[in-house]
Amino acid sequence: MPIAVRPRVRLPMWLFALLLTTFALATDDYVIAGVLPAISTGLGVSEAAGGQLVTVFSLVFALAAPVASVVTATWPRRRLLTWALALFVAANWAAACTTSYALLLGLRVLAAVAAASVVPAVYAIAATLAPEGRQGRYLALVMGGLTGSLALGVPLGTWVGGMFGWRATFWLGGLLGLAALAAVRGTVPETPPAPAMPIRERLAPLARPQVLFGLLAIVATVLGSMMMMTYLAPFLRDLAGAGPAELGWIFVLAGLAGFAGGQLGGRAGDRWGPDRALLTGIMGFAVVMAAFTACWYLRPVSLLALLPLLLMWAGVSWWIPPPAQTRLLALAGPAGPQALALNSSAVYLGVSGGAAVGGLILAGHGSGRLPAAAAMVELAALALFWIASAFGKGRRGTGTRVRPTRSPR
């Protein structure tokens, strides 16, 4: 009896165009970490000030995304993506030509506004055009551009910056945006705009204490991780003498470890429940930060000897978001969709806060204090989740099986 072979489902080209779009936008945000010393030297500012380029981008994104989704709700999707990506490309190429730190900050604001307009539309298009029963897979693939940017985009941008100067990294960001624009124009069909939702309705879950504290906990988990991510270059330079070439490979391996950690964290949240998975991830993060702090007093340390710790750091950092979002869904109850929409803003607030707070610590106390501070913030996040659960009145430990979307970290 012949064995039935299931037909292979071909993924549409427009889906890869949306994947390329999220990859380009996430790379543009995260790549600053890889070329931070070069930017600071080139513009004559401190590394702490250079890190604020990440703060500005992420903070503007967090604040602009909910507003942009309301303002552009009735715009044709292809037209929105076209003009926003064109603005993104122009902002990056102008950044490559500027010699002013203040002007570069302003251009990062423009790039962030463009990204905040694109990302919600990209997810809406993927959900609208996905076949019945395949929405989750399509959205997961589009969101793969976020982790892919860490495994490929950031190392590539770091290498380009090391070989040709930090300005070349912004030229590369513009080229990635232009490639995304061409792919969108060539493959993405027009889709009807999403129904408009008033900003008050989008923010309504914030009136529920358990949701508010849950979102604050999300901010804290990302903040602790990004304190290390943003200033990884000066930390590894001071600890192990690592330069741009070494950083490129570190980001490649960290991206792969982070992808594996995210998969394991999601499975642990399903199998153990989100509370136990969160506790495991955050305590693992604290242990790795303690090890980094111990290494600081033994410096210089071989980069090869540090590699296992760096991979563990990346893995536990990405382990945390899936159970954190599952916990947030359980806390929000019927308001889960609105809470997840606010989750993107919470994530980018954490990114901006990590760059800002980490910059203050770097400027005032040096890079060696970053691991201990990051661990304290992650432990504070655990306390915030506990407070949120207390307000949730019995929702703690529900072990909900709702599968969350992945957040960019």
Protein backbone atom coordinates (compact mmCIF):
# COMPACT_ATOMS: atom_id res chain seq x y z
CA MET A 1 0.00 0.00 0.00
CA PRO A 2 1.61 3.31 -1.07
CA ILE A 3 2.36 5.81 1.67
CA ALA A 4 0.53 9.08 1.29
CA VAL A 5 2.88 12.02 0.98
CA ARG A 6 1.69 15.34 2.30
CA PRO A 7 2.03 18.08 -0.31
CA ARG A 8 4.66 20.67 0.54
CA VAL A 9 3.14 24.09 1.15
CA ARG A 10 5.03 26.81 -0.69
CA LEU A 11 5.44 29.99 1.27
CA PRO A 12 4.53 33.13 -0.68
CA MET A 13 7.21 35.64 -1.66
CA TRP A 14 5.40 38.49 0.10
CA LEU A 15 5.99 36.70 3.40
CA PHE A 16 9.76 36.83 2.86
CA ALA A 17 9.44 40.52 1.94
CA LEU A 18 7.86 41.16 5.35
CA LEU A 19 10.58 39.05 7.01
CA LEU A 20 13.24 41.17 5.28
CA THR A 21 11.47 44.31 6.50
CA THR A 22 11.52 43.33 10.18
CA PHE A 23 15.12 42.14 9.76
CA ALA A 24 16.18 45.53 8.37
CA LEU A 25 14.41 47.53 11.09
CA ALA A 26 15.69 45.40 13.98
CA THR A 27 19.24 45.41 12.63
CA ASP A 28 19.16 49.20 12.44
CA ASP A 29 18.23 49.43 16.12
CA TYR A 30 20.56 46.79 17.56
CA VAL A 31 23.65 47.38 15.38
CA ILE A 32 24.62 50.52 17.34
CA ALA A 33 25.89 48.19 20.06
CA GLY A 34 28.48 46.74 17.69
CA VAL A 35 29.92 50.06 16.45
CA LEU A 36 29.44 52.13 19.60
CA PRO A 37 33.15 52.79 20.28
CA ALA A 38 33.75 53.89 16.68
CA ILE A 39 30.74 56.25 16.66
CA SER A 40 31.81 57.79 19.96
CA THR A 41 35.35 58.36 18.70
CA GLY A 42 34.20 59.66 15.33
CA LEU A 43 31.79 62.21 16.79
CA GLY A 44 33.93 63.13 19.79
CA VAL A 45 31.42 62.02 22.43
CA SER A 46 31.61 59.53 25.29
CA GLU A 47 30.44 55.94 24.82
CA ALA A 48 27.65 56.62 27.31
CA ALA A 49 26.44 59.47 25.07
CA GLY A 50 26.77 57.25 22.00
CA GLY A 51 24.55 54.66 23.67
CA GLN A 52 21.77 57.22 23.82
CA LEU A 53 21.33 56.69 20.08
CA VAL A 54 19.74 53.39 21.12
CA THR A 55 17.72 55.14 23.84
CA VAL A 56 16.28 57.71 21.43
CA PHE A 57 15.36 55.15 18.75
CA SER A 58 13.70 52.74 21.17
CA LEU A 59 11.90 55.38 23.23
CA VAL A 60 10.47 57.08 20.15
CA PHE A 61 9.39 53.70 18.78
CA ALA A 62 7.67 52.78 22.06
CA LEU A 63 5.75 56.06 22.22
CA ALA A 64 5.02 56.37 18.51
CA ALA A 65 3.84 52.81 17.73
CA PRO A 66 0.39 53.05 19.41
CA VAL A 67 -0.17 56.54 17.99
CA ALA A 68 1.00 55.57 14.50
CA SER A 69 -1.29 52.54 14.44
CA VAL A 70 -4.27 54.86 15.11
CA VAL A 71 -3.23 57.71 12.80
CA THR A 72 -2.46 55.41 9.85
CA ALA A 73 -5.32 52.95 10.43
CA THR A 74 -7.20 54.04 7.29
CA TRP A 75 -4.16 54.39 5.01
CA PRO A 76 -3.62 51.81 2.24
CA ARG A 77 -1.05 49.37 3.57
CA ARG A 78 1.30 49.31 0.56
CA ARG A 79 1.38 53.09 0.42
CA LEU A 80 2.11 53.27 4.15
CA LEU A 81 4.99 50.78 3.88
CA THR A 82 6.37 52.54 0.80
CA TRP A 83 6.57 56.01 2.33
CA ALA A 84 7.69 54.81 5.78
CA LEU A 85 10.50 52.65 4.36
CA ALA A 86 11.57 55.51 2.09
CA LEU A 87 11.83 57.76 5.16
CA PHE A 88 13.80 55.02 6.95
CA VAL A 89 16.29 54.77 4.06
CA ALA A 90 16.71 58.55 3.84
CA ALA A 91 17.29 58.86 7.60
CA ASN A 92 20.01 56.19 7.55
CA TRP A 93 21.85 57.59 4.55
CA ALA A 94 21.70 61.09 6.01
CA ALA A 95 23.11 59.65 9.27
CA ALA A 96 26.03 58.25 7.29
CA CYS A 97 26.90 61.78 6.10
CA THR A 98 26.47 63.78 9.30
CA THR A 99 29.30 65.02 11.49
CA SER A 100 27.01 66.29 14.27
CA TYR A 101 25.96 64.16 17.22
CA ALA A 102 22.82 66.28 17.74
CA LEU A 103 21.80 65.86 14.10
CA LEU A 104 22.43 62.13 14.31
CA LEU A 105 20.07 61.94 17.30
CA GLY A 106 17.41 63.74 15.25
CA LEU A 107 17.87 61.34 12.35
CA ARG A 108 17.46 58.39 14.72
CA VAL A 109 14.12 59.90 15.73
CA LEU A 110 13.02 59.94 12.06
CA ALA A 111 14.14 56.34 11.59
CA ALA A 112 12.25 55.29 14.72
CA VAL A 113 9.04 57.02 13.59
CA ALA A 114 9.31 55.18 10.27
CA ALA A 115 9.87 51.85 12.04
CA ALA A 116 6.97 52.48 14.43
CA SER A 117 4.69 53.02 11.43
CA VAL A 118 5.89 49.90 9.62
CA VAL A 119 6.00 47.19 12.29
CA PRO A 120 2.28 47.11 13.28
CA ALA A 121 1.30 47.22 9.59
CA VAL A 122 3.65 44.34 8.75
CA TYR A 123 2.14 42.10 11.42
CA ALA A 124 -1.40 43.07 10.36
CA ILE A 125 -0.65 42.22 6.72
CA ALA A 126 0.82 38.84 7.66
CA ALA A 127 -2.24 37.99 9.77
CA THR A 128 -4.67 39.18 7.07
CA LEU A 129 -3.08 37.34 4.14
CA ALA A 130 -2.24 34.11 6.00
CA PRO A 131 -4.32 31.06 5.01
CA GLU A 132 -6.78 29.65 7.49
CA GLY A 133 -4.98 27.87 10.31
CA ARG A 134 -1.53 29.23 9.42
CA GLN A 135 -1.61 32.70 11.00
CA GLY A 136 0.66 31.71 13.89
CA ARG A 137 3.30 30.23 11.58
CA TYR A 138 3.25 33.23 9.27
CA LEU A 139 3.56 35.68 12.15
CA ALA A 140 6.36 33.62 13.70
CA LEU A 141 8.29 33.73 10.43
CA VAL A 142 7.88 37.51 10.10
CA MET A 143 8.99 37.96 13.71
CA GLY A 144 12.00 35.79 12.94
CA GLY A 145 13.54 38.92 11.44
CA LEU A 146 14.07 40.17 15.00
CA THR A 147 16.20 37.25 16.18
CA GLY A 148 17.74 36.96 12.72
CA SER A 149 19.01 40.50 13.03
CA LEU A 150 21.09 39.46 16.07
CA ALA A 151 22.47 36.34 14.38
CA LEU A 152 23.22 37.96 11.00
CA GLY A 153 22.38 41.67 10.74
CA VAL A 154 24.26 42.95 13.78
CA PRO A 155 27.42 40.91 13.08
CA LEU A 156 27.36 42.04 9.44
CA GLY A 157 26.89 45.68 10.46
CA THR A 158 29.63 45.38 13.08
CA TRP A 159 32.03 43.86 10.54
CA VAL A 160 31.24 46.51 7.94
CA GLY A 161 31.78 49.23 10.56
CA GLY A 162 35.09 47.67 11.62
CA MET A 163 36.36 47.38 8.04
CA PHE A 164 35.08 50.63 6.50
CA GLY A 165 34.17 52.89 9.42
CA TRP A 166 30.95 53.41 11.38
CA ARG A 167 29.38 55.50 8.59
CA ALA A 168 29.39 52.43 6.37
CA THR A 169 27.10 50.73 8.92
CA PHE A 170 24.44 53.37 8.30
CA TRP A 171 24.94 53.04 4.53
CA LEU A 172 24.30 49.32 5.02
CA GLY A 173 21.16 50.07 7.06
CA GLY A 174 19.84 52.20 4.22
CA LEU A 175 20.60 49.46 1.69
CA LEU A 176 18.71 46.90 3.78
CA GLY A 177 15.76 49.30 3.98
CA LEU A 178 15.90 49.84 0.21
CA ALA A 179 15.95 46.08 -0.40
CA ALA A 180 12.91 45.72 1.88
CA LEU A 181 11.15 48.54 0.02
CA ALA A 182 11.80 46.90 -3.35
CA ALA A 183 10.62 43.51 -2.04
CA VAL A 184 7.44 45.02 -0.59
CA ARG A 185 6.64 46.89 -3.82
CA GLY A 186 7.30 43.80 -5.89
CA THR A 187 5.47 41.14 -3.91
CA VAL A 188 3.08 42.44 -1.24
CA PRO A 189 -0.51 42.80 -2.47
CA GLU A 190 -2.76 45.58 -1.27
CA THR A 191 -4.77 44.69 1.83
CA PRO A 192 -7.63 46.54 3.48
CA PRO A 193 -6.61 48.71 6.45
CA ALA A 194 -7.39 47.36 9.89
CA PRO A 195 -10.45 48.70 11.71
CA ALA A 196 -9.56 51.87 13.57
CA MET A 197 -9.34 51.57 17.35
CA PRO A 198 -9.31 54.74 19.47
CA ILE A 199 -6.15 55.30 21.46
CA ARG A 200 -8.19 55.25 24.68
CA GLU A 201 -9.36 51.71 23.90
CA ARG A 202 -5.80 50.61 23.15
CA LEU A 203 -4.60 51.94 26.51
CA ALA A 204 -7.58 50.67 28.52
CA PRO A 205 -5.74 47.59 29.95
CA LEU A 206 -3.40 49.95 31.82
CA ALA A 207 -6.27 50.68 34.22
CA ARG A 208 -5.98 47.10 35.52
CA PRO A 209 -3.21 46.91 38.16
CA GLN A 210 -2.20 43.35 37.28
CA VAL A 211 -1.69 44.34 33.63
CA LEU A 212 0.13 47.55 34.52
CA PHE A 213 2.58 45.76 36.84
CA GLY A 214 2.95 42.94 34.31
CA LEU A 215 3.94 45.45 31.64
CA LEU A 216 6.35 47.14 34.06
CA ALA A 217 7.90 43.72 34.67
CA ILE A 218 8.32 43.28 30.89
CA VAL A 219 10.05 46.68 30.77
CA ALA A 220 12.41 45.61 33.57
CA THR A 221 13.32 42.23 32.00
CA VAL A 222 14.27 43.92 28.72
CA LEU A 223 16.02 46.80 30.51
CA GLY A 224 18.32 44.44 32.40
CA SER A 225 19.23 42.52 29.27
CA MET A 226 19.81 45.62 27.13
CA MET A 227 22.11 47.20 29.72
CA MET A 228 24.58 44.49 28.74
CA MET A 229 23.64 44.27 25.07
CA THR A 230 24.06 47.99 24.34
CA TYR A 231 27.42 48.28 26.06
CA LEU A 232 28.78 44.83 25.28
CA ALA A 233 31.52 46.34 23.09
CA PRO A 234 33.14 48.47 25.81
CA PHE A 235 32.59 45.74 28.41
CA LEU A 236 34.39 43.07 26.33
CA ARG A 237 37.07 45.55 25.28
CA ASP A 238 37.82 46.39 28.93
CA LEU A 239 37.54 42.78 30.10
CA ALA A 240 39.17 40.84 27.25
CA GLY A 241 40.59 43.36 24.78
CA ALA A 242 37.97 42.43 22.13
CA GLY A 243 37.83 44.53 18.96
CA PRO A 244 35.23 44.92 16.16
CA ALA A 245 36.24 41.70 14.37
CA GLU A 246 35.83 39.59 17.52
CA LEU A 247 32.54 41.32 18.34
CA GLY A 248 31.11 40.31 14.98
CA TRP A 249 31.61 36.62 15.73
CA ILE A 250 30.36 37.07 19.28
CA PHE A 251 27.09 38.53 17.99
CA VAL A 252 26.70 35.66 15.50
CA LEU A 253 27.10 33.02 18.21
CA ALA A 254 25.00 35.01 20.69
CA GLY A 255 22.19 35.29 18.14
CA LEU A 256 22.18 31.52 17.62
CA ALA A 257 22.27 30.90 21.37
CA GLY A 258 19.48 33.42 21.85
CA PHE A 259 17.30 31.67 19.27
CA ALA A 260 17.82 28.34 21.04
CA GLY A 261 17.14 29.97 24.40
CA GLY A 262 13.88 31.45 23.16
CA GLN A 263 12.68 28.06 21.91
CA LEU A 264 13.57 26.38 25.19
CA GLY A 265 11.96 29.16 27.23
CA GLY A 266 8.72 28.84 25.29
CA ARG A 267 8.64 25.08 25.81
CA ALA A 268 9.47 25.45 29.49
CA GLY A 269 6.63 27.95 29.91
CA ASP A 270 4.21 25.45 28.35
CA ARG A 271 5.48 22.47 30.30
CA TRP A 272 6.29 23.98 33.70
CA GLY A 273 3.98 26.99 33.72
CA PRO A 274 5.13 30.59 33.17
CA ASP A 275 6.00 31.30 36.81
CA ARG A 276 8.54 28.48 37.16
CA ALA A 277 9.99 29.18 33.70
CA LEU A 278 10.38 32.88 34.55
CA LEU A 279 12.05 32.10 37.86
CA THR A 280 14.47 29.73 36.13
CA GLY A 281 15.38 32.24 33.42
CA ILE A 282 15.83 35.24 35.71
CA MET A 283 17.86 33.31 38.29
CA GLY A 284 20.00 31.93 35.46
CA PHE A 285 20.57 35.48 34.24
CA ALA A 286 21.60 36.59 37.73
CA VAL A 287 24.08 33.70 38.01
CA VAL A 288 25.70 34.61 34.67
CA MET A 289 25.96 38.27 35.71
CA ALA A 290 27.62 37.20 38.97
CA ALA A 291 30.14 35.20 36.93
CA PHE A 292 30.84 38.23 34.70
CA THR A 293 31.43 40.32 37.83
CA ALA A 294 33.88 37.73 39.18
CA CYS A 295 35.72 37.72 35.83
CA TRP A 296 36.09 41.49 36.05
CA TYR A 297 38.36 41.11 39.06
CA LEU A 298 40.49 38.57 37.14
CA ARG A 299 40.94 40.67 34.00
CA PRO A 300 42.29 40.45 31.44
CA VAL A 301 40.38 37.28 30.62
CA SER A 302 40.68 35.36 27.38
CA LEU A 303 37.72 35.90 25.06
CA LEU A 304 37.68 32.16 24.39
CA ALA A 305 37.32 31.51 28.12
CA LEU A 306 34.44 33.98 28.26
CA LEU A 307 32.60 32.41 25.32
CA PRO A 308 30.57 29.85 27.36
CA LEU A 309 29.37 32.64 29.67
CA LEU A 310 28.45 34.85 26.71
CA LEU A 311 26.42 32.04 25.14
CA MET A 312 24.67 31.37 28.46
CA TRP A 313 23.91 35.10 28.78
CA ALA A 314 22.33 35.20 25.31
CA GLY A 315 20.37 32.01 25.96
CA VAL A 316 18.85 33.07 29.28
CA SER A 317 18.16 36.59 27.98
CA TRP A 318 15.95 35.18 25.21
CA TRP A 319 14.58 32.37 27.44
CA ILE A 320 12.68 34.98 29.49
CA PRO A 321 10.35 36.72 26.93
CA PRO A 322 8.06 33.75 26.00
CA PRO A 323 7.01 32.87 29.58
CA ALA A 324 6.87 36.59 30.43
CA GLN A 325 4.35 37.18 27.65
CA THR A 326 2.40 34.05 28.59
CA ARG A 327 2.22 35.42 32.15
CA LEU A 328 1.04 38.77 30.85
CA LEU A 329 -1.74 37.08 28.86
CA ALA A 330 -2.89 35.20 31.94
CA LEU A 331 -2.91 38.39 34.00
CA ALA A 332 -4.82 40.35 31.35
CA GLY A 333 -7.59 37.80 30.91
CA PRO A 334 -10.13 39.07 28.32
CA ALA A 335 -7.93 42.12 27.68
CA GLY A 336 -5.13 39.88 26.39
CA PRO A 337 -5.04 41.18 22.78
CA GLN A 338 -4.80 44.83 23.90
CA ALA A 339 -2.17 43.90 26.50
CA LEU A 340 -0.04 42.18 23.85
CA ALA A 341 -0.36 45.26 21.65
CA LEU A 342 1.06 47.33 24.52
CA ASN A 343 3.77 44.72 24.99
CA SER A 344 5.72 46.04 21.97
CA SER A 345 5.85 49.49 23.53
CA ALA A 346 6.91 47.97 26.86
CA VAL A 347 9.73 46.09 25.14
CA TYR A 348 11.08 49.21 23.43
CA LEU A 349 10.77 51.21 26.64
CA GLY A 350 12.97 48.55 28.19
CA VAL A 351 15.45 48.83 25.32
CA SER A 352 15.63 52.61 25.69
CA GLY A 353 15.85 52.38 29.48
CA GLY A 354 18.64 49.82 29.27
CA ALA A 355 20.69 52.12 27.04
CA ALA A 356 19.99 55.16 29.26
CA VAL A 357 20.64 53.54 32.65
CA GLY A 358 23.57 51.55 31.33
CA GLY A 359 25.06 54.76 29.92
CA LEU A 360 24.85 56.44 33.32
CA ILE A 361 26.56 53.47 34.99
CA LEU A 362 29.23 53.33 32.28
CA ALA A 363 29.97 57.05 32.58
CA GLY A 364 29.96 57.13 36.37
CA HIS A 365 31.40 53.77 37.40
CA GLY A 366 32.83 52.01 34.33
CA SER A 367 31.71 48.96 32.38
CA GLY A 368 32.61 46.53 35.19
CA ARG A 369 29.54 47.54 37.20
CA LEU A 370 27.09 46.73 34.37
CA PRO A 371 26.58 42.98 35.12
CA ALA A 372 25.68 43.51 38.79
CA ALA A 373 23.29 46.34 37.93
CA ALA A 374 21.65 44.23 35.19
CA ALA A 375 21.13 41.35 37.63
CA MET A 376 19.47 43.67 40.17
CA VAL A 377 17.06 44.95 37.51
CA GLU A 378 16.10 41.40 36.48
CA LEU A 379 15.42 40.47 40.11
CA ALA A 380 13.26 43.61 40.39
CA ALA A 381 11.34 42.33 37.36
CA LEU A 382 10.66 39.10 39.23
CA ALA A 383 9.27 41.12 42.14
CA LEU A 384 7.04 43.11 39.77
CA PHE A 385 5.62 39.88 38.34
CA TRP A 386 4.89 38.74 41.90
CA ILE A 387 3.03 42.01 42.62
CA ALA A 388 1.10 41.66 39.37
CA SER A 389 0.10 38.12 40.30
CA ALA A 390 -1.08 39.31 43.72
CA PHE A 391 -3.36 41.84 42.00
CA GLY A 392 -4.49 39.10 39.62
CA LYS A 393 -6.40 37.37 42.47
CA GLY A 394 -5.65 33.75 41.89
CA ARG A 395 -4.27 33.97 38.36
CA ARG A 396 -0.78 33.08 39.58
CA GLY A 397 0.41 29.72 38.37
CA THR A 398 -2.42 29.18 35.92
CA GLY A 399 0.02 27.75 33.42
CA THR A 400 -1.98 29.16 30.53
CA ARG A 401 -1.28 27.51 27.20
CA VAL A 402 -1.82 30.57 25.09
CA ARG A 403 1.19 30.74 22.79
CA PRO A 404 2.64 34.25 22.78
CA THR A 405 4.26 36.21 20.01
CA ARG A 406 7.99 36.77 20.37
CA SER A 407 9.19 40.19 21.39
CA PRO A 408 12.20 41.95 20.12
CA ARG A 409 15.01 42.18 22.63
